[in-house]
Structures are given as C-alpha cells and as structure tokens.
C-alpha cells in the first residue's frame, strides 16, 4: 500500500496549471500532519521544474523560468537575460537572494542571440509568457524553453503552454516537444493534455534561425489545434448530447415551474 507521503506527492506532481497552491486534496491530506508539507520538497521541485514554473525576482518585472536546465544545484537557478542567479523555495514558489551571474562558455553567444530572436515572436503570440535559453550537456547543446500561462479561476479554467527544444550545433538539429495542458472544472472535471514532438534539421545554426524554426513549428501546431477543436465541437461533442429532448420540442424554461411531469413535457395525458 502506498504511504501517505507517496499519495500526497502524486497529487502534487499531477496538479493542473495554476492550482498547486489551492488544491483541496493536498490541503486536506496535509492538515493532520503539518510536518509532511516540508517532506514534500522533492515532489514540489519535480513539479516546478517539469512545468517550467515562473517567478518574478525581487525588484524584477519579468518572470523567469524554473527548470532543470537553469538549475545551479543547491536550490539555486539562473536567468541569462537578467544575468542573475537566485534561491528558489519550491513549496512557497518564492525567489530570494538574487546575485549576479554572467553566462560564459562556448555557447554563450548563441544562447544570447537565440533569446533575442525569440523576443519578438513570444511577445506577438503570447499575452503572458516567459522564455529562455541555456547551455546544457557540458556546453555542447542549447536548451530553449517557452512557457505561457493563462489562468481564469473565476470562470473555472486554467491553461499552460510549454515547449522545450534541444539544439545540437554538431548537426544543426532541433528536437523537442510542445505540450498544452488545460483544465476546466465548473460542475465537472475535464482536462486536455497534448504532446507534440518536433524534429527539425536546420540549414542555419544562428540564434535567429533557431527562433524562426521554433515560430514556424509552433504556428503550425496552433493551427492543428484549432482544427481539432472545431472538429470536436462540430462532431464528437455534439454527439454526446441531443440538440432537442426526446419530444423533439424545446422546453420553455420560463414556464417550467407550471409543467406537469409526463403530461405537459411528455406532450400527452399523464397516466393515473
């Protein structure tokens, strides 16, 4: 049987976008054992790094990304654009202790030019997004991340777009994925999870070339999603529910209080 800690960890790791701090299941399961929350650090860290959690640094105005690719170990992360590193509390999702961190190394120029190339695309297509690029694999490759969040809890839905690309300069290739996670929970619980794999061979290994290839693939995927939603709306979703009741007549809801079940609604005399 799974332990209490394992059960709560599974809730943390599966939390929908923007709902980690407000999940009633997590609050209920930790209320009787307050110390358990402090033991869930690894689960919160996994969630934040995989979901590309964003945070504004003290004194900063732009969100920065939490990921395994931007990790400096010991609970610290860095952001290339602001040339800073910071401590991050995975449970409270707060940043602190900001310090200077200047990126150096073989891929530093490519990383910075990629970030510059992404700027215009991200600002045009995402109303609320963070993006970054980081040298990985002993400075032999570059990881590029885009994450966009849109939360509307008053309307019972939240959503997140995550894309991760790994550029390999040795063969000018990009491998990555685009993930969409949308949760709708008004009088129900519906969740959309998608995962689109991307594999591209590039002719140009510049930062602007990488940004352009990313924008082309993401626009194409957005169009595919739009077509899929239209197909669902016009097809599968309509098949889940009759457009009219079995009587083939619309109910006059303003008169529903005066209906006699089985007679007025059924269109005939009620059985006695």
C-alpha atoms as a PDB file:
ATOM      1  CA  UNK A   1       0.000   0.000   0.000  1.00  0.00           C
ATOM      2  CA  UNK A   2       1.260   3.466  -0.866  1.00  0.00           C
ATOM      3  CA  UNK A   3       2.400   5.620   2.025  1.00  0.00           C
ATOM      4  CA  UNK A   4       0.702   8.862   2.967  1.00  0.00           C
ATOM      5  CA  UNK A   5       3.682  10.784   1.607  1.00  0.00           C
ATOM      6  CA  UNK A   6       3.567   8.973  -1.744  1.00  0.00           C
ATOM      7  CA  UNK A   7      -0.148   9.667  -2.126  1.00  0.00           C
ATOM      8  CA  UNK A   8       0.241  13.386  -1.455  1.00  0.00           C
ATOM      9  CA  UNK A   9       3.294  13.536  -3.747  1.00  0.00           C
ATOM     10  CA  UNK A  10       1.202  12.109  -6.589  1.00  0.00           C
ATOM     11  CA  UNK A  11      -1.357  14.902  -6.099  1.00  0.00           C
ATOM     12  CA  UNK A  12       1.409  17.497  -6.187  1.00  0.00           C
ATOM     13  CA  UNK A  13       3.027  16.122  -9.334  1.00  0.00           C
ATOM     14  CA  UNK A  14      -0.332  15.893 -11.131  1.00  0.00           C
ATOM     15  CA  UNK A  15      -1.633  19.336 -10.178  1.00  0.00           C
ATOM     16  CA  UNK A  16      -3.266  21.277 -13.058  1.00  0.00           C
ATOM     17  CA  UNK A  17      -1.790  24.622 -14.175  1.00  0.00           C
ATOM     18  CA  UNK A  18      -2.036  27.402 -11.600  1.00  0.00           C
ATOM     19  CA  UNK A  19      -3.757  25.221  -8.997  1.00  0.00           C
ATOM     20  CA  UNK A  20      -0.908  23.774  -6.968  1.00  0.00           C
ATOM     21  CA  UNK A  21      -1.354  26.160  -4.032  1.00  0.00           C
ATOM     22  CA  UNK A  22      -5.146  25.771  -3.958  1.00  0.00           C
ATOM     23  CA  UNK A  23      -5.700  22.035  -4.395  1.00  0.00           C
ATOM     24  CA  UNK A  24      -8.140  20.989  -1.634  1.00  0.00           C
ATOM     25  CA  UNK A  25      -6.884  17.381  -1.721  1.00  0.00           C
ATOM     26  CA  UNK A  26      -3.341  18.463  -0.813  1.00  0.00           C
ATOM     27  CA  UNK A  27      -4.590  20.749   1.962  1.00  0.00           C
ATOM     28  CA  UNK A  28      -6.820  18.022   3.368  1.00  0.00           C
ATOM     29  CA  UNK A  29      -4.125  15.362   3.295  1.00  0.00           C
ATOM     30  CA  UNK A  30      -1.529  17.562   4.996  1.00  0.00           C
ATOM     31  CA  UNK A  31      -3.774  19.257   7.570  1.00  0.00           C
ATOM     32  CA  UNK A  32      -3.419  16.447  10.119  1.00  0.00           C
ATOM     33  CA  UNK A  33       0.353  16.169   9.620  1.00  0.00           C
ATOM     34  CA  UNK A  34       1.776  19.696   9.161  1.00  0.00           C
ATOM     35  CA  UNK A  35       5.372  18.417   9.037  1.00  0.00           C
ATOM     36  CA  UNK A  36       4.517  16.374   5.957  1.00  0.00           C
ATOM     37  CA  UNK A  37       4.482  19.506   3.816  1.00  0.00           C
ATOM     38  CA  UNK A  38       8.186  20.059   4.470  1.00  0.00           C
ATOM     39  CA  UNK A  39       8.917  16.479   3.398  1.00  0.00           C
ATOM     40  CA  UNK A  40       7.303  17.035   0.000  1.00  0.00           C
ATOM     41  CA  UNK A  41      10.173  19.187  -1.270  1.00  0.00           C
ATOM     42  CA  UNK A  42      11.258  16.670  -3.963  1.00  0.00           C
ATOM     43  CA  UNK A  43       7.698  16.413  -5.306  1.00  0.00           C
ATOM     44  CA  UNK A  44       7.305  20.201  -5.459  1.00  0.00           C
ATOM     45  CA  UNK A  45      10.725  20.507  -7.117  1.00  0.00           C
ATOM     46  CA  UNK A  46       9.821  17.918  -9.758  1.00  0.00           C
ATOM     47  CA  UNK A  47       6.543  19.689 -10.467  1.00  0.00           C
ATOM     48  CA  UNK A  48       8.072  23.157 -10.706  1.00  0.00           C
ATOM     49  CA  UNK A  49      10.952  22.055 -12.939  1.00  0.00           C
ATOM     50  CA  UNK A  50       8.825  19.916 -15.266  1.00  0.00           C
ATOM     51  CA  UNK A  51       6.061  22.506 -15.527  1.00  0.00           C
ATOM     52  CA  UNK A  52       8.548  25.352 -16.055  1.00  0.00           C
ATOM     53  CA  UNK A  53       7.210  27.354 -13.129  1.00  0.00           C
ATOM     54  CA  UNK A  54       7.787  31.073 -13.427  1.00  0.00           C
ATOM     55  CA  UNK A  55       8.656  33.596 -10.746  1.00  0.00           C
ATOM     56  CA  UNK A  56       9.412  37.313 -10.595  1.00  0.00           C
ATOM     57  CA  UNK A  57      12.670  38.133  -8.883  1.00  0.00           C
ATOM     58  CA  UNK A  58      12.682  40.698  -6.074  1.00  0.00           C
ATOM     59  CA  UNK A  59      12.826  44.073  -7.796  1.00  0.00           C
ATOM     60  CA  UNK A  60      12.254  42.481 -11.212  1.00  0.00           C
ATOM     61  CA  UNK A  61       9.342  42.967 -13.599  1.00  0.00           C
ATOM     62  CA  UNK A  62       9.674  39.966 -15.929  1.00  0.00           C
ATOM     63  CA  UNK A  63       9.047  36.326 -14.967  1.00  0.00           C
ATOM     64  CA  UNK A  64      11.970  33.910 -15.117  1.00  0.00           C
ATOM     65  CA  UNK A  65      11.814  30.150 -15.576  1.00  0.00           C
ATOM     66  CA  UNK A  66      12.447  27.337 -13.120  1.00  0.00           C
ATOM     67  CA  UNK A  67      13.745  24.208 -14.875  1.00  0.00           C
ATOM     68  CA  UNK A  68      16.376  21.526 -14.567  1.00  0.00           C
ATOM     69  CA  UNK A  69      18.225  23.277 -17.427  1.00  0.00           C
ATOM     70  CA  UNK A  70      18.535  26.514 -15.455  1.00  0.00           C
ATOM     71  CA  UNK A  71      19.485  24.820 -12.191  1.00  0.00           C
ATOM     72  CA  UNK A  72      22.743  25.586 -10.404  1.00  0.00           C
ATOM     73  CA  UNK A  73      22.068  22.914  -7.744  1.00  0.00           C
ATOM     74  CA  UNK A  74      21.558  23.594  -4.023  1.00  0.00           C
ATOM     75  CA  UNK A  75      18.194  25.229  -4.709  1.00  0.00           C
ATOM     76  CA  UNK A  76      19.575  27.985  -6.921  1.00  0.00           C
ATOM     77  CA  UNK A  77      18.686  28.832 -10.527  1.00  0.00           C
ATOM     78  CA  UNK A  78      19.852  31.398 -13.039  1.00  0.00           C
ATOM     79  CA  UNK A  79      18.424  33.623 -15.743  1.00  0.00           C
ATOM     80  CA  UNK A  80      20.535  34.589 -18.739  1.00  0.00           C
ATOM     81  CA  UNK A  81      18.693  37.743 -19.763  1.00  0.00           C
ATOM     82  CA  UNK A  82      18.922  39.395 -16.338  1.00  0.00           C
ATOM     83  CA  UNK A  83      22.425  37.962 -15.679  1.00  0.00           C
ATOM     84  CA  UNK A  84      21.365  36.823 -12.238  1.00  0.00           C
ATOM     85  CA  UNK A  85      21.071  33.766 -10.039  1.00  0.00           C
ATOM     86  CA  UNK A  86      18.630  33.289  -7.172  1.00  0.00           C
ATOM     87  CA  UNK A  87      17.430  30.918  -4.482  1.00  0.00           C
ATOM     88  CA  UNK A  88      14.008  29.357  -5.002  1.00  0.00           C
ATOM     89  CA  UNK A  89      11.652  27.820  -2.440  1.00  0.00           C
ATOM     90  CA  UNK A  90       9.736  25.097  -4.270  1.00  0.00           C
ATOM     91  CA  UNK A  91       6.933  24.899  -1.702  1.00  0.00           C
ATOM     92  CA  UNK A  92       6.158  28.625  -1.449  1.00  0.00           C
ATOM     93  CA  UNK A  93       7.274  29.260  -5.064  1.00  0.00           C
ATOM     94  CA  UNK A  94       9.150  32.394  -3.996  1.00  0.00           C
ATOM     95  CA  UNK A  95      12.571  33.665  -5.130  1.00  0.00           C
ATOM     96  CA  UNK A  96      15.174  35.324  -2.918  1.00  0.00           C
ATOM     97  CA  UNK A  97      18.887  36.097  -2.553  1.00  0.00           C
ATOM     98  CA  UNK A  98      19.439  37.432  -6.067  1.00  0.00           C
ATOM     99  CA  UNK A  99      23.092  37.560  -7.137  1.00  0.00           C
ATOM    100  CA  UNK A 100      24.978  38.438 -10.286  1.00  0.00           C
ATOM    101  CA  UNK A 101      25.528  35.534 -12.686  1.00  0.00           C
ATOM    102  CA  UNK A 102      27.166  36.254 -16.040  1.00  0.00           C
ATOM    103  CA  UNK A 103      26.942  33.456 -18.589  1.00  0.00           C
ATOM    104  CA  UNK A 104      30.233  32.338 -20.089  1.00  0.00           C
ATOM    105  CA  UNK A 105      31.293  29.426 -22.251  1.00  0.00           C
ATOM    106  CA  UNK A 106      31.308  28.166 -25.825  1.00  0.00           C
ATOM    107  CA  UNK A 107      27.557  28.522 -26.370  1.00  0.00           C
ATOM    108  CA  UNK A 108      27.107  31.860 -24.564  1.00  0.00           C
ATOM    109  CA  UNK A 109      26.814  33.961 -27.731  1.00  0.00           C
ATOM    110  CA  UNK A 110      24.392  31.503 -29.357  1.00  0.00           C
ATOM    111  CA  UNK A 111      22.256  31.418 -26.208  1.00  0.00           C
ATOM    112  CA  UNK A 112      22.008  35.201 -26.074  1.00  0.00           C
ATOM    113  CA  UNK A 113      21.238  35.579 -29.783  1.00  0.00           C
ATOM    114  CA  UNK A 114      18.536  32.886 -29.516  1.00  0.00           C
ATOM    115  CA  UNK A 115      16.881  34.735 -26.636  1.00  0.00           C
ATOM    116  CA  UNK A 116      16.987  37.944 -28.663  1.00  0.00           C
ATOM    117  CA  UNK A 117      15.462  36.156 -31.666  1.00  0.00           C
ATOM    118  CA  UNK A 118      12.645  34.684 -29.559  1.00  0.00           C
ATOM    119  CA  UNK A 119      11.661  38.007 -28.050  1.00  0.00           C
ATOM    120  CA  UNK A 120       9.566  39.367 -30.933  1.00  0.00           C
ATOM    121  CA  UNK A 121       7.831  36.036 -31.593  1.00  0.00           C
ATOM    122  CA  UNK A 122       6.871  35.432 -27.964  1.00  0.00           C
ATOM    123  CA  UNK A 123       5.622  38.975 -27.387  1.00  0.00           C
ATOM    124  CA  UNK A 124       3.483  38.820 -30.534  1.00  0.00           C
ATOM    125  CA  UNK A 125       1.845  35.449 -29.898  1.00  0.00           C
ATOM    126  CA  UNK A 126       1.663  35.030 -26.115  1.00  0.00           C
ATOM    127  CA  UNK A 127      -0.071  37.540 -23.810  1.00  0.00           C
ATOM    128  CA  UNK A 128       1.724  36.231 -20.724  1.00  0.00           C
ATOM    129  CA  UNK A 129       4.846  34.175 -21.314  1.00  0.00           C
ATOM    130  CA  UNK A 130       8.430  33.585 -20.239  1.00  0.00           C
ATOM    131  CA  UNK A 131      11.247  32.257 -22.402  1.00  0.00           C
ATOM    132  CA  UNK A 132      14.882  31.373 -22.028  1.00  0.00           C
ATOM    133  CA  UNK A 133      17.851  29.520 -23.466  1.00  0.00           C
ATOM    134  CA  UNK A 134      20.532  27.642 -21.550  1.00  0.00           C
ATOM    135  CA  UNK A 135      23.749  25.747 -22.405  1.00  0.00           C
ATOM    136  CA  UNK A 136      23.458  22.075 -21.445  1.00  0.00           C
ATOM    137  CA  UNK A 137      25.325  18.775 -21.854  1.00  0.00           C
ATOM    138  CA  UNK A 138      28.695  20.221 -20.843  1.00  0.00           C
ATOM    139  CA  UNK A 139      28.155  23.282 -23.011  1.00  0.00           C
ATOM    140  CA  UNK A 140      27.708  21.187 -26.174  1.00  0.00           C
ATOM    141  CA  UNK A 141      23.993  21.858 -26.747  1.00  0.00           C
ATOM    142  CA  UNK A 142      21.401  24.569 -26.100  1.00  0.00           C
ATOM    143  CA  UNK A 143      18.018  24.121 -24.417  1.00  0.00           C
ATOM    144  CA  UNK A 144      15.282  26.585 -25.389  1.00  0.00           C
ATOM    145  CA  UNK A 145      12.134  26.952 -23.278  1.00  0.00           C
ATOM    146  CA  UNK A 146       8.878  28.836 -23.775  1.00  0.00           C
ATOM    147  CA  UNK A 147       6.087  28.717 -21.196  1.00  0.00           C
ATOM    148  CA  UNK A 148       2.816  30.646 -21.294  1.00  0.00           C
ATOM    149  CA  UNK A 149       0.165  30.584 -18.565  1.00  0.00           C
ATOM    150  CA  UNK A 150      -3.394  31.815 -18.680  1.00  0.00           C
ATOM    151  CA  UNK A 151      -5.483  31.465 -15.542  1.00  0.00           C
ATOM    152  CA  UNK A 152      -9.190  32.217 -15.171  1.00  0.00           C
ATOM    153  CA  UNK A 153     -10.288  30.654 -11.866  1.00  0.00           C
ATOM    154  CA  UNK A 154     -13.420  32.820 -11.749  1.00  0.00           C
ATOM    155  CA  UNK A 155     -14.509  31.053 -14.917  1.00  0.00           C
ATOM    156  CA  UNK A 156     -13.269  27.673 -13.661  1.00  0.00           C
ATOM    157  CA  UNK A 157     -10.439  27.087 -16.133  1.00  0.00           C
ATOM    158  CA  UNK A 158      -6.648  27.369 -16.296  1.00  0.00           C
ATOM    159  CA  UNK A 159      -4.171  26.577 -19.043  1.00  0.00           C
ATOM    160  CA  UNK A 160      -0.479  26.277 -19.811  1.00  0.00           C
ATOM    161  CA  UNK A 161       1.624  26.052 -22.979  1.00  0.00           C
ATOM    162  CA  UNK A 162       5.089  24.506 -22.573  1.00  0.00           C
ATOM    163  CA  UNK A 163       7.663  23.995 -25.262  1.00  0.00           C
ATOM    164  CA  UNK A 164      11.177  22.635 -24.880  1.00  0.00           C
ATOM    165  CA  UNK A 165      13.730  22.357 -27.686  1.00  0.00           C
ATOM    166  CA  UNK A 166      17.256  20.967 -27.664  1.00  0.00           C
ATOM    167  CA  UNK A 167      19.515  22.399 -30.359  1.00  0.00           C
ATOM    168  CA  UNK A 168      22.605  20.387 -31.282  1.00  0.00           C
ATOM    169  CA  UNK A 169      25.251  22.526 -33.064  1.00  0.00           C
ATOM    170  CA  UNK A 170      27.144  19.432 -34.217  1.00  0.00           C
ATOM    171  CA  UNK A 171      24.446  18.552 -36.759  1.00  0.00           C
ATOM    172  CA  UNK A 172      22.248  21.687 -36.710  1.00  0.00           C
ATOM    173  CA  UNK A 173      19.208  19.753 -35.495  1.00  0.00           C
ATOM    174  CA  UNK A 174      16.376  20.605 -33.136  1.00  0.00           C
ATOM    175  CA  UNK A 175      14.494  18.018 -31.099  1.00  0.00           C
ATOM    176  CA  UNK A 176      11.744  18.959 -28.718  1.00  0.00           C
ATOM    177  CA  UNK A 177       8.123  18.908 -27.696  1.00  0.00           C
ATOM    178  CA  UNK A 178       5.140  21.215 -27.357  1.00  0.00           C
ATOM    179  CA  UNK A 179       2.760  20.446 -24.507  1.00  0.00           C
ATOM    180  CA  UNK A 180      -0.637  22.008 -23.826  1.00  0.00           C
ATOM    181  CA  UNK A 181      -2.440  21.487 -20.510  1.00  0.00           C
ATOM    182  CA  UNK A 182      -5.930  22.953 -19.997  1.00  0.00           C
ATOM    183  CA  UNK A 183      -8.177  22.241 -17.014  1.00  0.00           C
ATOM    184  CA  UNK A 184     -11.904  23.072 -16.927  1.00  0.00           C
ATOM    185  CA  UNK A 185     -13.680  22.353 -13.653  1.00  0.00           C
ATOM    186  CA  UNK A 186     -17.114  24.018 -13.484  1.00  0.00           C
ATOM    187  CA  UNK A 187     -19.591  21.355 -12.302  1.00  0.00           C
ATOM    188  CA  UNK A 188     -17.185  18.713 -13.540  1.00  0.00           C
ATOM    189  CA  UNK A 189     -13.545  17.970 -14.232  1.00  0.00           C
ATOM    190  CA  UNK A 190     -12.255  17.997 -17.812  1.00  0.00           C
ATOM    191  CA  UNK A 191      -8.561  18.173 -18.697  1.00  0.00           C
ATOM    192  CA  UNK A 192      -6.853  18.455 -22.076  1.00  0.00           C
ATOM    193  CA  UNK A 193      -3.262  17.191 -22.309  1.00  0.00           C
ATOM    194  CA  UNK A 194      -1.349  17.208 -25.594  1.00  0.00           C
ATOM    195  CA  UNK A 195       2.238  16.398 -26.526  1.00  0.00           C
ATOM    196  CA  UNK A 196       3.554  17.292 -29.988  1.00  0.00           C
ATOM    197  CA  UNK A 197       7.050  16.049 -30.837  1.00  0.00           C
ATOM    198  CA  UNK A 198       9.284  18.237 -33.022  1.00  0.00           C
ATOM    199  CA  UNK A 199      12.289  17.125 -35.077  1.00  0.00           C
ATOM    200  CA  UNK A 200      13.928  19.602 -37.452  1.00  0.00           C
ATOM    201  CA  UNK A 201      17.165  19.740 -39.435  1.00  0.00           C
ATOM    202  CA  UNK A 202      18.273  23.329 -39.920  1.00  0.00           C
ATOM    203  CA  UNK A 203      20.326  24.974 -42.624  1.00  0.00           C
ATOM    204  CA  UNK A 204      21.233  27.904 -40.362  1.00  0.00           C
ATOM    205  CA  UNK A 205      22.652  27.459 -36.883  1.00  0.00           C
ATOM    206  CA  UNK A 206      22.231  31.058 -35.768  1.00  0.00           C
ATOM    207  CA  UNK A 207      20.124  32.291 -32.895  1.00  0.00           C
ATOM    208  CA  UNK A 208      17.683  33.998 -35.252  1.00  0.00           C
ATOM    209  CA  UNK A 209      17.478  30.805 -37.322  1.00  0.00           C
ATOM    210  CA  UNK A 210      16.617  28.746 -34.239  1.00  0.00           C
ATOM    211  CA  UNK A 211      13.943  31.260 -33.211  1.00  0.00           C
ATOM    212  CA  UNK A 212      12.441  31.273 -36.713  1.00  0.00           C
ATOM    213  CA  UNK A 213      12.254  27.472 -36.852  1.00  0.00           C
ATOM    214  CA  UNK A 214      10.550  27.401 -33.458  1.00  0.00           C
ATOM    215  CA  UNK A 215       8.000  30.015 -34.514  1.00  0.00           C
ATOM    216  CA  UNK A 216       7.174  28.121 -37.734  1.00  0.00           C
ATOM    217  CA  UNK A 217       6.572  24.838 -35.901  1.00  0.00           C
ATOM    218  CA  UNK A 218       4.543  26.411 -33.114  1.00  0.00           C
ATOM    219  CA  UNK A 219       2.313  28.338 -35.525  1.00  0.00           C
ATOM    220  CA  UNK A 220       1.713  25.112 -37.441  1.00  0.00           C
ATOM    221  CA  UNK A 221       0.796  23.275 -34.255  1.00  0.00           C
ATOM    222  CA  UNK A 222      -1.535  26.075 -33.186  1.00  0.00           C
ATOM    223  CA  UNK A 223      -3.373  25.709 -36.499  1.00  0.00           C
ATOM    224  CA  UNK A 224      -3.614  21.944 -35.955  1.00  0.00           C
ATOM    225  CA  UNK A 225      -5.112  22.517 -32.514  1.00  0.00           C
ATOM    226  CA  UNK A 226      -7.655  24.990 -33.879  1.00  0.00           C
ATOM    227  CA  UNK A 227      -8.790  22.461 -36.482  1.00  0.00           C
ATOM    228  CA  UNK A 228      -9.022  19.735 -33.853  1.00  0.00           C
ATOM    229  CA  UNK A 229     -11.153  21.915 -31.560  1.00  0.00           C
ATOM    230  CA  UNK A 230     -13.502  22.762 -34.437  1.00  0.00           C
ATOM    231  CA  UNK A 231     -13.805  19.077 -35.295  1.00  0.00           C
ATOM    232  CA  UNK A 232     -14.561  18.182 -31.673  1.00  0.00           C
ATOM    233  CA  UNK A 233     -17.137  20.933 -31.341  1.00  0.00           C
ATOM    234  CA  UNK A 234     -18.922  20.056 -34.569  1.00  0.00           C
ATOM    235  CA  UNK A 235     -18.577  16.295 -34.212  1.00  0.00           C
ATOM    236  CA  UNK A 236     -17.816  14.393 -31.039  1.00  0.00           C
ATOM    237  CA  UNK A 237     -19.172  16.922 -28.537  1.00  0.00           C
ATOM    238  CA  UNK A 238     -22.485  17.303 -30.388  1.00  0.00           C
ATOM    239  CA  UNK A 239     -22.825  13.524 -30.382  1.00  0.00           C
ATOM    240  CA  UNK A 240     -22.684  13.468 -26.588  1.00  0.00           C
ATOM    241  CA  UNK A 241     -25.978  15.306 -26.198  1.00  0.00           C
ATOM    242  CA  UNK A 242     -29.259  15.626 -28.086  1.00  0.00           C
ATOM    243  CA  UNK A 243     -29.898  19.050 -29.574  1.00  0.00           C
ATOM    244  CA  UNK A 244     -33.579  18.585 -28.682  1.00  0.00           C
ATOM    245  CA  UNK A 245     -35.325  16.498 -25.980  1.00  0.00           C
ATOM    246  CA  UNK A 246     -36.923  13.180 -26.941  1.00  0.00           C
ATOM    247  CA  UNK A 247     -40.162  15.102 -27.622  1.00  0.00           C
ATOM    248  CA  UNK A 248     -38.329  16.998 -30.411  1.00  0.00           C
ATOM    249  CA  UNK A 249     -39.586  20.245 -28.843  1.00  0.00           C
ATOM    250  CA  UNK A 250     -37.648  22.879 -26.946  1.00  0.00           C
ATOM    251  CA  UNK A 251     -38.550  23.350 -23.297  1.00  0.00           C
ATOM    252  CA  UNK A 252     -39.889  26.782 -22.396  1.00  0.00           C
ATOM    253  CA  UNK A 253     -37.816  27.307 -19.285  1.00  0.00           C
ATOM    254  CA  UNK A 254     -39.766  30.351 -18.129  1.00  0.00           C
ATOM    255  CA  UNK A 255     -42.837  28.096 -17.836  1.00  0.00           C
ATOM    256  CA  UNK A 256     -41.083  25.037 -16.418  1.00  0.00           C
ATOM    257  CA  UNK A 257     -42.487  25.579 -12.908  1.00  0.00           C
ATOM    258  CA  UNK A 258     -46.022  25.130 -14.231  1.00  0.00           C
ATOM    259  CA  UNK A 259     -45.310  21.937 -16.200  1.00  0.00           C
ATOM    260  CA  UNK A 260     -46.928  18.704 -15.005  1.00  0.00           C
ATOM    261  CA  UNK A 261     -44.376  15.934 -15.364  1.00  0.00           C
ATOM    262  CA  UNK A 262     -45.368  13.392 -18.004  1.00  0.00           C
ATOM    263  CA  UNK A 263     -48.224  15.484 -19.381  1.00  0.00           C
ATOM    264  CA  UNK A 264     -47.016  18.925 -20.454  1.00  0.00           C
ATOM    265  CA  UNK A 265     -43.414  17.798 -21.017  1.00  0.00           C
ATOM    266  CA  UNK A 266     -44.372  14.461 -22.481  1.00  0.00           C
ATOM    267  CA  UNK A 267     -46.953  16.044 -24.747  1.00  0.00           C
ATOM    268  CA  UNK A 268     -49.871  13.876 -23.605  1.00  0.00           C
ATOM    269  CA  UNK A 269     -52.051  12.892 -20.707  1.00  0.00           C
ATOM    270  CA  UNK A 270     -50.338  11.563 -17.630  1.00  0.00           C
ATOM    271  CA  UNK A 271     -51.094   8.018 -16.525  1.00  0.00           C
ATOM    272  CA  UNK A 272     -53.100   7.555 -13.376  1.00  0.00           C
END
